[in-house]
N, C-alpha and C. Protein backbone atom coordinates (compact mmCIF):
# COMPACT_ATOMS: atom_id res chain seq x y z
N MET A 1 202.45 -61.84 157.28
CA MET A 1 201.07 -61.64 157.68
C MET A 1 200.21 -61.47 156.42
N ASP A 2 199.14 -62.20 156.34
CA ASP A 2 198.24 -62.10 155.20
C ASP A 2 197.26 -60.95 155.38
N THR A 3 196.97 -60.27 154.29
CA THR A 3 196.03 -59.16 154.28
C THR A 3 195.01 -59.40 153.18
N LYS A 4 193.76 -59.10 153.48
CA LYS A 4 192.69 -59.30 152.51
C LYS A 4 192.74 -58.22 151.45
N LEU A 5 192.48 -58.62 150.17
CA LEU A 5 192.49 -57.70 149.05
C LEU A 5 191.25 -57.97 148.20
N THR A 6 190.55 -56.94 147.82
CA THR A 6 189.38 -57.09 146.97
C THR A 6 189.72 -56.61 145.57
N LEU A 7 189.43 -57.46 144.57
CA LEU A 7 189.71 -57.13 143.18
C LEU A 7 188.43 -57.22 142.37
N SER A 8 188.34 -56.42 141.34
CA SER A 8 187.23 -56.51 140.39
C SER A 8 187.80 -56.95 139.06
N LEU A 9 187.43 -58.16 138.63
CA LEU A 9 187.95 -58.73 137.40
C LEU A 9 186.81 -59.27 136.56
N ASP A 10 187.08 -59.44 135.28
CA ASP A 10 186.12 -60.04 134.37
C ASP A 10 185.79 -61.46 134.84
N LYS A 11 184.51 -61.82 134.81
CA LYS A 11 184.05 -63.11 135.31
C LYS A 11 184.76 -64.28 134.60
N LYS A 12 184.92 -64.17 133.27
CA LYS A 12 185.59 -65.23 132.52
C LYS A 12 187.04 -65.42 132.99
N VAL A 13 187.71 -64.31 133.26
CA VAL A 13 189.10 -64.37 133.71
C VAL A 13 189.17 -65.09 135.06
N ILE A 14 188.24 -64.77 135.94
CA ILE A 14 188.21 -65.41 137.26
C ILE A 14 187.97 -66.91 137.11
N GLU A 15 187.01 -67.29 136.27
CA GLU A 15 186.72 -68.72 136.07
C GLU A 15 187.92 -69.46 135.51
N GLN A 16 188.59 -68.86 134.52
CA GLN A 16 189.77 -69.48 133.94
C GLN A 16 190.89 -69.61 134.97
N ALA A 17 191.08 -68.57 135.76
CA ALA A 17 192.13 -68.59 136.78
C ALA A 17 191.83 -69.63 137.85
N LYS A 18 190.56 -69.78 138.22
CA LYS A 18 190.19 -70.80 139.21
C LYS A 18 190.48 -72.20 138.67
N ARG A 19 190.15 -72.44 137.39
CA ARG A 19 190.42 -73.75 136.80
C ARG A 19 191.93 -74.01 136.75
N TYR A 20 192.68 -72.99 136.36
CA TYR A 20 194.13 -73.12 136.29
C TYR A 20 194.70 -73.45 137.67
N ALA A 21 194.27 -72.70 138.67
CA ALA A 21 194.76 -72.92 140.04
C ALA A 21 194.39 -74.33 140.52
N LYS A 22 193.18 -74.76 140.23
CA LYS A 22 192.75 -76.10 140.64
C LYS A 22 193.61 -77.17 139.98
N ASN A 23 193.89 -76.99 138.67
CA ASN A 23 194.74 -77.95 137.96
C ASN A 23 196.16 -77.99 138.51
N LYS A 24 196.62 -76.86 139.02
CA LYS A 24 197.97 -76.77 139.59
C LYS A 24 197.98 -77.12 141.09
N ASN A 25 196.79 -77.39 141.61
CA ASN A 25 196.65 -77.78 143.02
C ASN A 25 197.07 -76.67 143.99
N ILE A 26 196.75 -75.42 143.64
CA ILE A 26 197.02 -74.30 144.53
C ILE A 26 195.77 -73.42 144.61
N SER A 27 195.72 -72.60 145.62
CA SER A 27 194.57 -71.70 145.76
C SER A 27 194.72 -70.53 144.79
N LEU A 28 193.62 -69.93 144.46
CA LEU A 28 193.64 -68.75 143.60
C LEU A 28 194.43 -67.62 144.27
N SER A 29 194.28 -67.49 145.57
CA SER A 29 195.04 -66.47 146.31
C SER A 29 196.54 -66.67 146.16
N LYS A 30 196.99 -67.92 146.29
CA LYS A 30 198.43 -68.21 146.16
C LYS A 30 198.90 -67.98 144.73
N LEU A 31 198.06 -68.29 143.76
CA LEU A 31 198.39 -68.06 142.37
C LEU A 31 198.63 -66.57 142.12
N ILE A 32 197.71 -65.76 142.58
CA ILE A 32 197.82 -64.31 142.39
C ILE A 32 198.99 -63.75 143.19
N GLU A 33 199.18 -64.24 144.39
CA GLU A 33 200.31 -63.79 145.21
C GLU A 33 201.64 -64.10 144.50
N GLY A 34 201.75 -65.31 143.96
CA GLY A 34 202.96 -65.69 143.24
C GLY A 34 203.21 -64.81 142.03
N TYR A 35 202.14 -64.52 141.28
CA TYR A 35 202.25 -63.66 140.11
C TYR A 35 202.72 -62.26 140.51
N LEU A 36 202.06 -61.68 141.50
CA LEU A 36 202.43 -60.33 141.93
C LEU A 36 203.85 -60.28 142.47
N ASN A 37 204.25 -61.33 143.17
CA ASN A 37 205.61 -61.40 143.69
C ASN A 37 206.61 -61.44 142.54
N LYS A 38 206.33 -62.27 141.53
CA LYS A 38 207.23 -62.38 140.39
C LYS A 38 207.31 -61.06 139.62
N VAL A 39 206.18 -60.43 139.40
CA VAL A 39 206.15 -59.15 138.67
C VAL A 39 206.96 -58.10 139.41
N SER A 40 206.79 -58.04 140.71
CA SER A 40 207.50 -57.00 141.47
C SER A 40 209.00 -57.29 141.54
N LEU A 41 209.40 -58.54 141.48
CA LEU A 41 210.83 -58.87 141.52
C LEU A 41 211.51 -58.59 140.18
N THR A 42 210.75 -58.63 139.09
CA THR A 42 211.35 -58.40 137.78
C THR A 42 211.70 -56.93 137.56
N GLU A 43 211.27 -56.07 138.44
CA GLU A 43 211.57 -54.65 138.29
C GLU A 43 212.85 -54.25 139.02
N ARG A 44 213.62 -55.25 139.43
CA ARG A 44 214.90 -54.95 140.07
C ARG A 44 215.82 -54.26 139.07
N ALA A 45 216.71 -53.45 139.58
CA ALA A 45 217.61 -52.68 138.72
C ALA A 45 218.51 -53.59 137.88
N GLU A 46 219.07 -54.62 138.50
CA GLU A 46 219.99 -55.52 137.78
C GLU A 46 219.40 -56.91 137.72
N PRO A 47 219.40 -57.53 136.53
CA PRO A 47 218.92 -58.90 136.44
C PRO A 47 219.91 -59.85 137.11
N GLU A 48 219.42 -60.96 137.59
CA GLU A 48 220.28 -61.95 138.23
C GLU A 48 221.08 -62.67 137.15
N ILE A 49 222.38 -62.79 137.37
CA ILE A 49 223.26 -63.44 136.40
C ILE A 49 223.64 -64.81 136.94
N SER A 50 223.45 -65.84 136.12
CA SER A 50 223.74 -67.20 136.57
C SER A 50 225.24 -67.39 136.75
N PRO A 51 225.64 -68.36 137.60
CA PRO A 51 227.06 -68.62 137.81
C PRO A 51 227.80 -68.98 136.51
N LEU A 52 227.14 -69.69 135.60
CA LEU A 52 227.77 -70.05 134.34
C LEU A 52 228.11 -68.81 133.52
N VAL A 53 227.16 -67.89 133.42
CA VAL A 53 227.40 -66.66 132.66
C VAL A 53 228.51 -65.86 133.33
N LYS A 54 228.51 -65.78 134.65
CA LYS A 54 229.56 -65.06 135.36
C LYS A 54 230.93 -65.67 135.06
N SER A 55 231.00 -67.01 135.01
CA SER A 55 232.28 -67.67 134.75
C SER A 55 232.79 -67.42 133.33
N LEU A 56 231.87 -67.20 132.39
CA LEU A 56 232.27 -66.95 131.00
C LEU A 56 232.56 -65.49 130.72
N SER A 57 232.14 -64.64 131.60
CA SER A 57 232.27 -63.20 131.41
C SER A 57 233.73 -62.78 131.35
N GLY A 58 234.10 -62.05 130.30
CA GLY A 58 235.44 -61.50 130.20
C GLY A 58 236.50 -62.45 129.67
N ILE A 59 236.12 -63.63 129.15
CA ILE A 59 237.15 -64.57 128.69
C ILE A 59 237.59 -64.31 127.26
N MET A 60 236.92 -63.38 126.58
CA MET A 60 237.24 -63.11 125.18
C MET A 60 237.38 -61.61 124.97
N ASP A 61 238.47 -61.21 124.35
CA ASP A 61 238.68 -59.80 124.02
C ASP A 61 238.34 -59.57 122.56
N LEU A 62 237.55 -58.55 122.30
CA LEU A 62 237.19 -58.20 120.94
C LEU A 62 238.00 -56.99 120.51
N PRO A 63 238.30 -56.89 119.20
CA PRO A 63 239.06 -55.73 118.72
C PRO A 63 238.29 -54.43 118.92
N LYS A 64 239.03 -53.35 119.08
CA LYS A 64 238.39 -52.04 119.22
C LYS A 64 237.57 -51.74 117.97
N GLY A 65 236.39 -51.18 118.16
CA GLY A 65 235.53 -50.83 117.03
C GLY A 65 234.75 -52.01 116.46
N TYR A 66 234.81 -53.16 117.13
CA TYR A 66 234.08 -54.33 116.63
C TYR A 66 232.58 -54.03 116.63
N ASP A 67 231.92 -54.30 115.50
CA ASP A 67 230.49 -54.05 115.34
C ASP A 67 229.75 -55.38 115.33
N ARG A 68 229.23 -55.75 116.47
CA ARG A 68 228.55 -57.03 116.63
C ARG A 68 227.35 -57.15 115.69
N LYS A 69 226.57 -56.08 115.57
CA LYS A 69 225.38 -56.13 114.72
C LYS A 69 225.75 -56.32 113.25
N LYS A 70 226.78 -55.63 112.81
CA LYS A 70 227.22 -55.76 111.43
C LYS A 70 227.72 -57.17 111.16
N ASP A 71 228.51 -57.69 112.06
CA ASP A 71 229.05 -59.04 111.92
C ASP A 71 227.93 -60.08 111.90
N TYR A 72 226.97 -59.92 112.78
CA TYR A 72 225.85 -60.86 112.83
C TYR A 72 225.00 -60.74 111.57
N GLY A 73 224.82 -59.53 111.06
CA GLY A 73 224.08 -59.32 109.82
C GLY A 73 224.77 -60.02 108.66
N SER A 74 226.10 -59.95 108.60
CA SER A 74 226.85 -60.63 107.55
C SER A 74 226.69 -62.14 107.67
N PHE A 75 226.73 -62.63 108.88
CA PHE A 75 226.55 -64.06 109.14
C PHE A 75 225.18 -64.53 108.62
N LEU A 76 224.13 -63.77 108.96
CA LEU A 76 222.78 -64.15 108.52
C LEU A 76 222.64 -64.07 107.00
N ALA A 77 223.25 -63.06 106.41
CA ALA A 77 223.18 -62.92 104.95
C ALA A 77 223.82 -64.13 104.27
N LYS A 78 224.97 -64.56 104.75
CA LYS A 78 225.63 -65.74 104.18
C LYS A 78 224.81 -67.00 104.42
N LYS A 79 224.27 -67.11 105.62
CA LYS A 79 223.50 -68.31 105.98
C LYS A 79 222.28 -68.50 105.10
N TYR A 80 221.56 -67.43 104.82
CA TYR A 80 220.31 -67.55 104.08
C TYR A 80 220.44 -67.21 102.60
N LYS A 81 221.66 -66.97 102.15
CA LYS A 81 221.87 -66.59 100.75
C LYS A 81 221.61 -67.76 99.80
N GLY A 82 222.09 -68.90 100.13
CA GLY A 82 222.00 -69.98 99.16
C GLY A 82 221.33 -71.16 99.66
């Protein structure tokens, strides 16, 4: 069910958003609805993990005490040294 919402925004922002929506062939209301929907979904506790990442998860064992940041720092130092 759609509900009416009144917003107060800067006139330039509204004009730019209207042009953007027109170029995308959607209404300004749908544009804002999509944005608000996306913003509210990004606040989920756990991010969605793609099937590819899930399939790769756990295939490699690292030694105890492995310092990823230190190793990556050494890699970058060698890469940009010469």
